[in-house]
Amino acid sequence: MADLHIQICYAEPDFHLLRDLTVAEGTTLQQAIMQSGVLREVTAIDLTACKVGIYGKLKTPDTVLREHDRIEIYRPLIADPKDSRRLRAESKARKKN
């Protein structure tokens, strides 16, 4: 079995983590996250609440990794982006009147 070279990344407004990792062929996304030690280092990550993906595309934790995949751990949204845009537009319209 060959080894795969991957990356794991996670970001917050004032902190980011990018870790290179070598895993065995056939390793799943969740297994790689567990092996990386990221969950011990960043206790704010809760995989039951956080979505994960590879290169910006949402994936399930049982996705089998390929060479040079970059696993991304996404934080839960604090606010719905559509609601935020609507509120900004309404606020802007009120300021003009």
PDB file of N, CA and C in Angstrom:
ATOM      1  N   MET A   1       0.831  -1.188   0.000  1.00  0.00           N
ATOM      2  CA  MET A   1       0.000   0.000   0.000  1.00  0.00           C
ATOM      3  C   MET A   1       0.880   1.259   0.000  1.00  0.00           C
ATOM      4  N   ALA A   2       0.499   2.250  -0.768  1.00  0.00           N
ATOM      5  CA  ALA A   2       1.255   3.497  -0.857  1.00  0.00           C
ATOM      6  C   ALA A   2       0.772   4.491   0.197  1.00  0.00           C
ATOM      7  N   ASP A   3       1.642   5.419   0.502  1.00  0.00           N
ATOM      8  CA  ASP A   3       1.275   6.510   1.400  1.00  0.00           C
ATOM      9  C   ASP A   3       0.748   7.681   0.583  1.00  0.00           C
ATOM     10  N   LEU A   4      -0.179   8.431   1.175  1.00  0.00           N
ATOM     11  CA  LEU A   4      -0.741   9.625   0.549  1.00  0.00           C
ATOM     12  C   LEU A   4      -0.273  10.846   1.320  1.00  0.00           C
ATOM     13  N   HIS A   5       0.041  11.911   0.610  1.00  0.00           N
ATOM     14  CA  HIS A   5       0.423  13.174   1.230  1.00  0.00           C
ATOM     15  C   HIS A   5      -0.781  14.108   1.125  1.00  0.00           C
ATOM     16  N   ILE A   6      -1.276  14.523   2.283  1.00  0.00           N
ATOM     17  CA  ILE A   6      -2.475  15.363   2.333  1.00  0.00           C
ATOM     18  C   ILE A   6      -2.220  16.560   3.240  1.00  0.00           C
ATOM     19  N   GLN A   7      -3.192  17.466   3.277  1.00  0.00           N
ATOM     20  CA  GLN A   7      -3.154  18.589   4.204  1.00  0.00           C
ATOM     21  C   GLN A   7      -4.493  18.670   4.925  1.00  0.00           C
ATOM     22  N   ILE A   8      -4.437  19.193   6.137  1.00  0.00           N
ATOM     23  CA  ILE A   8      -5.650  19.459   6.910  1.00  0.00           C
ATOM     24  C   ILE A   8      -5.616  20.927   7.292  1.00  0.00           C
ATOM     25  N   CYS A   9      -6.727  21.624   7.053  1.00  0.00           N
ATOM     26  CA  CYS A   9      -6.753  23.036   7.432  1.00  0.00           C
ATOM     27  C   CYS A   9      -8.035  23.373   8.181  1.00  0.00           C
ATOM     28  N   TYR A  10      -7.886  24.368   9.035  1.00  0.00           N
ATOM     29  CA  TYR A  10      -8.987  24.889   9.841  1.00  0.00           C
ATOM     30  C   TYR A  10      -8.655  26.347  10.116  1.00  0.00           C
ATOM     31  N   ALA A  11      -9.651  27.219  10.075  1.00  0.00           N
ATOM     32  CA  ALA A  11      -9.387  28.635  10.311  1.00  0.00           C
ATOM     33  C   ALA A  11     -10.488  29.264  11.149  1.00  0.00           C
ATOM     34  N   GLU A  12     -10.057  30.191  11.980  1.00  0.00           N
ATOM     35  CA  GLU A  12     -10.933  31.067  12.737  1.00  0.00           C
ATOM     36  C   GLU A  12     -10.487  32.488  12.406  1.00  0.00           C
ATOM     37  N   PRO A  13     -11.231  33.504  12.817  1.00  0.00           N
ATOM     38  CA  PRO A  13     -10.830  34.867  12.461  1.00  0.00           C
ATOM     39  C   PRO A  13      -9.402  35.238  12.882  1.00  0.00           C
ATOM     40  N   ASP A  14      -8.943  34.754  14.018  1.00  0.00           N
ATOM     41  CA  ASP A  14      -7.614  35.130  14.497  1.00  0.00           C
ATOM     42  C   ASP A  14      -6.654  33.941  14.628  1.00  0.00           C
ATOM     43  N   PHE A  15      -6.970  32.835  14.002  1.00  0.00           N
ATOM     44  CA  PHE A  15      -6.143  31.628  14.113  1.00  0.00           C
ATOM     45  C   PHE A  15      -6.344  30.767  12.865  1.00  0.00           C
ATOM     46  N   HIS A  16      -5.271  30.194  12.377  1.00  0.00           N
ATOM     47  CA  HIS A  16      -5.418  29.220  11.297  1.00  0.00           C
ATOM     48  C   HIS A  16      -4.422  28.088  11.491  1.00  0.00           C
ATOM     49  N   LEU A  17      -4.801  26.946  10.994  1.00  0.00           N
ATOM     50  CA  LEU A  17      -3.982  25.749  11.117  1.00  0.00           C
ATOM     51  C   LEU A  17      -3.903  25.098   9.745  1.00  0.00           C
ATOM     52  N   LEU A  18      -2.714  24.779   9.302  1.00  0.00           N
ATOM     53  CA  LEU A  18      -2.495  24.049   8.064  1.00  0.00           C
ATOM     54  C   LEU A  18      -1.434  23.015   8.369  1.00  0.00           C
ATOM     55  N   ARG A  19      -1.827  21.754   8.290  1.00  0.00           N
ATOM     56  CA  ARG A  19      -0.929  20.679   8.684  1.00  0.00           C
ATOM     57  C   ARG A  19      -0.759  19.681   7.538  1.00  0.00           C
ATOM     58  N   ASP A  20       0.496  19.385   7.226  1.00  0.00           N
ATOM     59  CA  ASP A  20       0.803  18.331   6.260  1.00  0.00           C
ATOM     60  C   ASP A  20       0.793  17.001   6.994  1.00  0.00           C
ATOM     61  N   LEU A  21       0.296  15.977   6.316  1.00  0.00           N
ATOM     62  CA  LEU A  21       0.157  14.673   6.942  1.00  0.00           C
ATOM     63  C   LEU A  21       0.361  13.590   5.899  1.00  0.00           C
ATOM     64  N   THR A  22       0.951  12.499   6.302  1.00  0.00           N
ATOM     65  CA  THR A  22       1.087  11.333   5.442  1.00  0.00           C
ATOM     66  C   THR A  22       0.225  10.231   6.035  1.00  0.00           C
ATOM     67  N   VAL A  23      -0.676   9.687   5.213  1.00  0.00           N
ATOM     68  CA  VAL A  23      -1.590   8.641   5.665  1.00  0.00           C
ATOM     69  C   VAL A  23      -1.522   7.466   4.691  1.00  0.00           C
ATOM     70  N   ALA A  24      -2.009   6.338   5.140  1.00  0.00           N
ATOM     71  CA  ALA A  24      -2.024   5.146   4.291  1.00  0.00           C
ATOM     72  C   ALA A  24      -3.117   5.256   3.229  1.00  0.00           C
ATOM     73  N   GLU A  25      -2.879   4.663   2.104  1.00  0.00           N
ATOM     74  CA  GLU A  25      -3.892   4.598   1.058  1.00  0.00           C
ATOM     75  C   GLU A  25      -5.134   3.920   1.636  1.00  0.00           C
ATOM     76  N   GLY A  26      -6.313   4.430   1.310  1.00  0.00           N
ATOM     77  CA  GLY A  26      -7.558   3.876   1.838  1.00  0.00           C
ATOM     78  C   GLY A  26      -8.059   4.583   3.091  1.00  0.00           C
ATOM     79  N   THR A  27      -7.291   5.555   3.587  1.00  0.00           N
ATOM     80  CA  THR A  27      -7.690   6.309   4.775  1.00  0.00           C
ATOM     81  C   THR A  27      -8.871   7.218   4.431  1.00  0.00           C
ATOM     82  N   THR A  28      -9.831   7.292   5.346  1.00  0.00           N
ATOM     83  CA  THR A  28     -10.986   8.173   5.137  1.00  0.00           C
ATOM     84  C   THR A  28     -10.696   9.557   5.687  1.00  0.00           C
ATOM     85  N   LEU A  29     -11.523  10.484   5.309  1.00  0.00           N
ATOM     86  CA  LEU A  29     -11.416  11.858   5.760  1.00  0.00           C
ATOM     87  C   LEU A  29     -11.434  11.927   7.290  1.00  0.00           C
ATOM     88  N   GLN A  30     -12.370  11.249   7.905  1.00  0.00           N
ATOM     89  CA  GLN A  30     -12.477  11.279   9.369  1.00  0.00           C
ATOM     90  C   GLN A  30     -11.258  10.627  10.030  1.00  0.00           C
ATOM     91  N   GLN A  31     -10.787   9.528   9.483  1.00  0.00           N
ATOM     92  CA  GLN A  31      -9.608   8.878  10.051  1.00  0.00           C
ATOM     93  C   GLN A  31      -8.393   9.802  10.010  1.00  0.00           C
ATOM     94  N   ALA A  32      -8.234  10.524   8.911  1.00  0.00           N
ATOM     95  CA  ALA A  32      -7.101  11.439   8.780  1.00  0.00           C
ATOM     96  C   ALA A  32      -7.194  12.559   9.810  1.00  0.00           C
ATOM     97  N   ILE A  33      -8.384  13.088  10.015  1.00  0.00           N
ATOM     98  CA  ILE A  33      -8.556  14.147  11.020  1.00  0.00           C
ATOM     99  C   ILE A  33      -8.184  13.608  12.396  1.00  0.00           C
ATOM    100  N   MET A  34      -8.633  12.410  12.712  1.00  0.00           N
ATOM    101  CA  MET A  34      -8.336  11.817  14.013  1.00  0.00           C
ATOM    102  C   MET A  34      -6.820  11.580  14.167  1.00  0.00           C
ATOM    103  N   GLN A  35      -6.176  11.093  13.117  1.00  0.00           N
ATOM    104  CA  GLN A  35      -4.735  10.824  13.165  1.00  0.00           C
ATOM    105  C   GLN A  35      -3.899  12.084  13.283  1.00  0.00           C
ATOM    106  N   SER A  36      -4.418  13.191  12.768  1.00  0.00           N
ATOM    107  CA  SER A  36      -3.646  14.430  12.713  1.00  0.00           C
ATOM    108  C   SER A  36      -3.398  15.062  14.075  1.00  0.00           C
ATOM    109  N   GLY A  37      -4.248  14.785  15.049  1.00  0.00           N
ATOM    110  CA  GLY A  37      -4.131  15.408  16.363  1.00  0.00           C
ATOM    111  C   GLY A  37      -4.774  16.785  16.433  1.00  0.00           C
ATOM    112  N   VAL A  38      -5.403  17.220  15.351  1.00  0.00           N
ATOM    113  CA  VAL A  38      -6.030  18.537  15.295  1.00  0.00           C
ATOM    114  C   VAL A  38      -7.121  18.673  16.357  1.00  0.00           C
ATOM    115  N   LEU A  39      -7.879  17.623  16.592  1.00  0.00           N
ATOM    116  CA  LEU A  39      -8.984  17.697  17.564  1.00  0.00           C
ATOM    117  C   LEU A  39      -8.470  17.897  18.990  1.00  0.00           C
ATOM    118  N   ARG A  40      -7.298  17.366  19.292  1.00  0.00           N
ATOM    119  CA  ARG A  40      -6.710  17.582  20.621  1.00  0.00           C
ATOM    120  C   ARG A  40      -6.148  18.999  20.731  1.00  0.00           C
ATOM    121  N   GLU A  41      -5.614  19.496  19.630  1.00  0.00           N
ATOM    122  CA  GLU A  41      -4.993  20.823  19.627  1.00  0.00           C
ATOM    123  C   GLU A  41      -6.021  21.955  19.607  1.00  0.00           C
ATOM    124  N   VAL A  42      -7.089  21.787  18.859  1.00  0.00           N
ATOM    125  CA  VAL A  42      -8.119  22.827  18.730  1.00  0.00           C
ATOM    126  C   VAL A  42      -9.419  22.259  19.287  1.00  0.00           C
ATOM    127  N   THR A  43      -9.647  22.488  20.559  1.00  0.00           N
ATOM    128  CA  THR A  43     -10.811  21.884  21.224  1.00  0.00           C
ATOM    129  C   THR A  43     -12.133  22.479  20.749  1.00  0.00           C
ATOM    130  N   ALA A  44     -12.090  23.598  20.032  1.00  0.00           N
ATOM    131  CA  ALA A  44     -13.321  24.218  19.520  1.00  0.00           C
ATOM    132  C   ALA A  44     -13.929  23.408  18.376  1.00  0.00           C
ATOM    133  N   ILE A  45     -13.153  22.509  17.783  1.00  0.00           N
ATOM    134  CA  ILE A  45     -13.671  21.716  16.664  1.00  0.00           C
ATOM    135  C   ILE A  45     -14.538  20.592  17.199  1.00  0.00           C
ATOM    136  N   ASP A  46     -15.773  20.577  16.747  1.00  0.00           N
ATOM    137  CA  ASP A  46     -16.717  19.516  17.090  1.00  0.00           C
ATOM    138  C   ASP A  46     -17.194  18.912  15.776  1.00  0.00           C
ATOM    139  N   LEU A  47     -16.709  17.736  15.451  1.00  0.00           N
ATOM    140  CA  LEU A  47     -17.046  17.142  14.158  1.00  0.00           C
ATOM    141  C   LEU A  47     -18.523  16.795  14.008  1.00  0.00           C
ATOM    142  N   THR A  48     -19.271  16.793  15.113  1.00  0.00           N
ATOM    143  CA  THR A  48     -20.710  16.568  14.985  1.00  0.00           C
ATOM    144  C   THR A  48     -21.418  17.844  14.520  1.00  0.00           C
ATOM    145  N   ALA A  49     -20.776  19.002  14.732  1.00  0.00           N
ATOM    146  CA  ALA A  49     -21.369  20.274  14.325  1.00  0.00           C
ATOM    147  C   ALA A  49     -20.680  20.890  13.106  1.00  0.00           C
ATOM    148  N   CYS A  50     -19.414  20.575  12.913  1.00  0.00           N
ATOM    149  CA  CYS A  50     -18.644  21.150  11.808  1.00  0.00           C
ATOM    150  C   CYS A  50     -18.767  20.290  10.558  1.00  0.00           C
ATOM    151  N   LYS A  51     -18.909  20.953   9.430  1.00  0.00           N
ATOM    152  CA  LYS A  51     -18.892  20.235   8.158  1.00  0.00           C
ATOM    153  C   LYS A  51     -17.458  20.123   7.698  1.00  0.00           C
ATOM    154  N   VAL A  52     -17.202  19.158   6.834  1.00  0.00           N
ATOM    155  CA  VAL A  52     -15.862  18.955   6.301  1.00  0.00           C
ATOM    156  C   VAL A  52     -15.930  18.865   4.783  1.00  0.00           C
ATOM    157  N   GLY A  53     -14.808  19.144   4.147  1.00  0.00           N
ATOM    158  CA  GLY A  53     -14.772  19.075   2.698  1.00  0.00           C
ATOM    159  C   GLY A  53     -13.357  18.888   2.200  1.00  0.00           C
ATOM    160  N   ILE A  54     -13.253  18.775   0.898  1.00  0.00           N
ATOM    161  CA  ILE A  54     -11.962  18.686   0.227  1.00  0.00           C
ATOM    162  C   ILE A  54     -11.970  19.741  -0.868  1.00  0.00           C
ATOM    163  N   TYR A  55     -11.009  20.661  -0.785  1.00  0.00           N
ATOM    164  CA  TYR A  55     -10.900  21.757  -1.760  1.00  0.00           C
ATOM    165  C   TYR A  55     -12.223  22.482  -1.988  1.00  0.00           C
ATOM    166  N   GLY A  56     -12.908  22.831  -0.901  1.00  0.00           N
ATOM    167  CA  GLY A  56     -14.113  23.644  -0.997  1.00  0.00           C
ATOM    168  C   GLY A  56     -15.386  22.900  -1.351  1.00  0.00           C
ATOM    169  N   LYS A  57     -15.327  21.603  -1.482  1.00  0.00           N
ATOM    170  CA  LYS A  57     -16.526  20.818  -1.782  1.00  0.00           C
ATOM    171  C   LYS A  57     -16.861  19.952  -0.579  1.00  0.00           C
ATOM    172  N   LEU A  58     -18.097  20.069  -0.095  1.00  0.00           N
ATOM    173  CA  LEU A  58     -18.505  19.282   1.068  1.00  0.00           C
ATOM    174  C   LEU A  58     -18.376  17.796   0.785  1.00  0.00           C
ATOM    175  N   LYS A  59     -17.875  17.083   1.774  1.00  0.00           N
ATOM    176  CA  LYS A  59     -17.703  15.636   1.676  1.00  0.00           C
ATOM    177  C   LYS A  59     -18.189  14.987   2.960  1.00  0.00           C
ATOM    178  N   THR A  60     -18.475  13.700   2.883  1.00  0.00           N
ATOM    179  CA  THR A  60     -18.861  12.953   4.078  1.00  0.00           C
ATOM    180  C   THR A  60     -17.597  12.451   4.773  1.00  0.00           C
ATOM    181  N   PRO A  61     -17.676  12.212   6.078  1.00  0.00           N
ATOM    182  CA  PRO A  61     -16.494  11.747   6.809  1.00  0.00           C
ATOM    183  C   PRO A  61     -15.933  10.415   6.300  1.00  0.00           C
ATOM    184  N   ASP A  62     -16.751   9.618   5.619  1.00  0.00           N
ATOM    185  CA  ASP A  62     -16.259   8.326   5.137  1.00  0.00           C
ATOM    186  C   ASP A  62     -15.671   8.395   3.725  1.00  0.00           C
ATOM    187  N   THR A  63     -15.449   9.597   3.208  1.00  0.00           N
ATOM    188  CA  THR A  63     -14.823   9.777   1.898  1.00  0.00           C
ATOM    189  C   THR A  63     -13.384   9.287   1.949  1.00  0.00           C
ATOM    190  N   VAL A  64     -13.016   8.439   1.003  1.00  0.00           N
ATOM    191  CA  VAL A  64     -11.640   7.926   0.936  1.00  0.00           C
ATOM    192  C   VAL A  64     -10.764   8.984   0.265  1.00  0.00           C
ATOM    193  N   LEU A  65      -9.620   9.247   0.881  1.00  0.00           N
ATOM    194  CA  LEU A  65      -8.733  10.301   0.411  1.00  0.00           C
ATOM    195  C   LEU A  65      -7.891   9.878  -0.783  1.00  0.00           C
ATOM    196  N   ARG A  66      -7.461  10.906  -1.545  1.00  0.00           N
ATOM    197  CA  ARG A  66      -6.551  10.698  -2.670  1.00  0.00           C
ATOM    198  C   ARG A  66      -5.311  11.558  -2.458  1.00  0.00           C
ATOM    199  N   GLU A  67      -4.277  11.268  -3.199  1.00  0.00           N
ATOM    200  CA  GLU A  67      -3.013  12.001  -3.101  1.00  0.00           C
ATOM    201  C   GLU A  67      -3.250  13.501  -3.242  1.00  0.00           C
ATOM    202  N   HIS A  68      -2.644  14.279  -2.350  1.00  0.00           N
ATOM    203  CA  HIS A  68      -2.664  15.740  -2.342  1.00  0.00           C
ATOM    204  C   HIS A  68      -4.028  16.357  -2.031  1.00  0.00           C
ATOM    205  N   ASP A  69      -4.947  15.602  -1.439  1.00  0.00           N
ATOM    206  CA  ASP A  69      -6.213  16.192  -0.993  1.00  0.00           C
ATOM    207  C   ASP A  69      -5.933  17.180   0.138  1.00  0.00           C
ATOM    208  N   ARG A  70      -6.723  18.252   0.183  1.00  0.00           N
ATOM    209  CA  ARG A  70      -6.660  19.190   1.300  1.00  0.00           C
ATOM    210  C   ARG A  70      -7.994  19.120   2.025  1.00  0.00           C
ATOM    211  N   ILE A  71      -7.973  18.565   3.220  1.00  0.00           N
ATOM    212  CA  ILE A  71      -9.173  18.457   4.047  1.00  0.00           C
ATOM    213  C   ILE A  71      -9.409  19.809   4.704  1.00  0.00           C
ATOM    214  N   GLU A  72     -10.640  20.288   4.602  1.00  0.00           N
ATOM    215  CA  GLU A  72     -11.010  21.555   5.214  1.00  0.00           C
ATOM    216  C   GLU A  72     -12.100  21.302   6.250  1.00  0.00           C
ATOM    217  N   ILE A  73     -11.891  21.815   7.444  1.00  0.00           N
ATOM    218  CA  ILE A  73     -12.877  21.700   8.518  1.00  0.00           C
ATOM    219  C   ILE A  73     -13.550  23.071   8.618  1.00  0.00           C
ATOM    220  N   TYR A  74     -14.851  23.097   8.396  1.00  0.00           N
ATOM    221  CA  TYR A  74     -15.594  24.355   8.359  1.00  0.00           C
ATOM    222  C   TYR A  74     -16.282  24.617   9.693  1.00  0.00           C
ATOM    223  N   ARG A  75     -16.218  25.873  10.147  1.00  0.00           N
ATOM    224  CA  ARG A  75     -16.919  26.268  11.370  1.00  0.00           C
ATOM    225  C   ARG A  75     -18.403  26.426  11.074  1.00  0.00           C
ATOM    226  N   PRO A  76     -19.248  26.164  12.067  1.00  0.00           N
ATOM    227  CA  PRO A  76     -20.688  26.415  11.855  1.00  0.00           C
ATOM    228  C   PRO A  76     -20.923  27.901  11.604  1.00  0.00           C
ATOM    229  N   LEU A  77     -21.889  28.215  10.760  1.00  0.00           N
ATOM    230  CA  LEU A  77     -22.217  29.608  10.480  1.00  0.00           C
ATOM    231  C   LEU A  77     -22.891  30.232  11.689  1.00  0.00           C
ATOM    232  N   ILE A  78     -22.492  31.444  12.004  1.00  0.00           N
ATOM    233  CA  ILE A  78     -23.116  32.170  13.110  1.00  0.00           C
ATOM    234  C   ILE A  78     -24.428  32.784  12.639  1.00  0.00           C
ATOM    235  N   ALA A  79     -24.426  33.250  11.401  1.00  0.00           N
ATOM    236  CA  ALA A  79     -25.624  33.873  10.826  1.00  0.00           C
ATOM    237  C   ALA A  79     -25.791  33.391   9.390  1.00  0.00           C
ATOM    238  N   ASP A  80     -27.012  33.332   8.950  1.00  0.00           N
ATOM    239  CA  ASP A  80     -27.303  32.949   7.571  1.00  0.00           C
ATOM    240  C   ASP A  80     -26.811  34.061   6.647  1.00  0.00           C
ATOM    241  N   PRO A  81     -25.946  33.763   5.675  1.00  0.00           N
ATOM    242  CA  PRO A  81     -25.425  34.814   4.782  1.00  0.00           C
ATOM    243  C   PRO A  81     -26.524  35.587   4.055  1.00  0.00           C
ATOM    244  N   LYS A  82     -27.600  34.917   3.685  1.00  0.00           N
ATOM    245  CA  LYS A  82     -28.693  35.611   2.992  1.00  0.00           C
ATOM    246  C   LYS A  82     -29.353  36.625   3.914  1.00  0.00           C
ATOM    247  N   ASP A  83     -29.568  36.240   5.166  1.00  0.00           N
ATOM    248  CA  ASP A  83     -30.152  37.177   6.131  1.00  0.00           C
ATOM    249  C   ASP A  83     -29.217  38.362   6.375  1.00  0.00           C
ATOM    250  N   SER A  84     -27.927  38.083   6.473  1.00  0.00           N
ATOM    251  CA  SER A  84     -26.959  39.160   6.704  1.00  0.00           C
ATOM    252  C   SER A  84     -26.965  40.161   5.560  1.00  0.00           C
ATOM    253  N   ARG A  85     -26.991  39.671   4.326  1.00  0.00           N
ATOM    254  CA  ARG A  85     -27.029  40.572   3.157  1.00  0.00           C
ATOM    255  C   ARG A  85     -28.309  41.399   3.154  1.00  0.00           C
ATOM    256  N   ARG A  86     -29.431  40.759   3.465  1.00  0.00           N
ATOM    257  CA  ARG A  86     -30.715  41.461   3.488  1.00  0.00           C
ATOM    258  C   ARG A  86     -30.699  42.563   4.534  1.00  0.00           C
ATOM    259  N   LEU A  87     -30.183  42.266   5.720  1.00  0.00           N
ATOM    260  CA  LEU A  87     -30.126  43.267   6.789  1.00  0.00           C
ATOM    261  C   LEU A  87     -29.215  44.435   6.416  1.00  0.00           C
ATOM    262  N   ARG A  88     -28.078  44.143   5.767  1.00  0.00           N
ATOM    263  CA  ARG A  88     -27.193  45.225   5.333  1.00  0.00           C
ATOM    264  C   ARG A  88     -27.885  46.102   4.299  1.00  0.00           C
ATOM    265  N   ALA A  89     -28.581  45.477   3.362  1.00  0.00           N
ATOM    266  CA  ALA A  89     -29.291  46.238   2.321  1.00  0.00           C
ATOM    267  C   ALA A  89     -30.383  47.108   2.929  1.00  0.00           C
ATOM    268  N   GLU A  90     -31.125  46.564   3.885  1.00  0.00           N
ATOM    269  CA  GLU A  90     -32.175  47.344   4.547  1.00  0.00           C
ATOM    270  C   GLU A  90     -31.576  48.528   5.318  1.00  0.00           C
ATOM    271  N   SER A  91     -30.465  48.285   5.981  1.00  0.00           N
ATOM    272  CA  SER A  91     -29.803  49.337   6.752  1.00  0.00           C
ATOM    273  C   SER A  91     -29.312  50.439   5.826  1.00  0.00           C
ATOM    274  N   LYS A  92     -28.736  50.056   4.699  1.00  0.00           N
ATOM    275  CA  LYS A  92     -28.257  51.025   3.709  1.00  0.00           C
ATOM    276  C   LYS A  92     -29.400  51.857   3.157  1.00  0.00           C
ATOM    277  N   ALA A  93     -30.536  51.195   2.890  1.00  0.00           N
ATOM    278  CA  ALA A  93     -31.704  51.895   2.346  1.00  0.00           C
ATOM    279  C   ALA A  93     -32.252  52.888   3.366  1.00  0.00           C
ATOM    280  N   ARG A  94     -32.256  52.534   4.646  1.00  0.00           N
ATOM    281  CA  ARG A  94     -32.735  53.444   5.694  1.00  0.00           C
ATOM    282  C   ARG A  94     -31.830  54.669   5.810  1.00  0.00           C
ATOM    283  N   LYS A  95     -30.529  54.478   5.649  1.00  0.00           N
ATOM    284  CA  LYS A  95     -29.579  55.596   5.759  1.00  0.00           C
ATOM    285  C   LYS A  95     -29.770  56.598   4.629  1.00  0.00           C
ATOM    286  N   LYS A  96     -30.170  56.117   3.448  1.00  0.00           N
ATOM    287  CA  LYS A  96     -30.390  57.005   2.304  1.00  0.00           C
ATOM    288  C   LYS A  96     -31.645  57.843   2.483  1.00  0.00           C
ATOM    289  N   ASN A  97     -32.627  57.328   3.198  1.00  0.00           N
ATOM    290  CA  ASN A  97     -33.915  58.042   3.374  1.00  0.00           C
ATOM    291  C   ASN A  97     -33.842  59.057   4.459  1.00  0.00           C
TER     292      ASN A  97
END
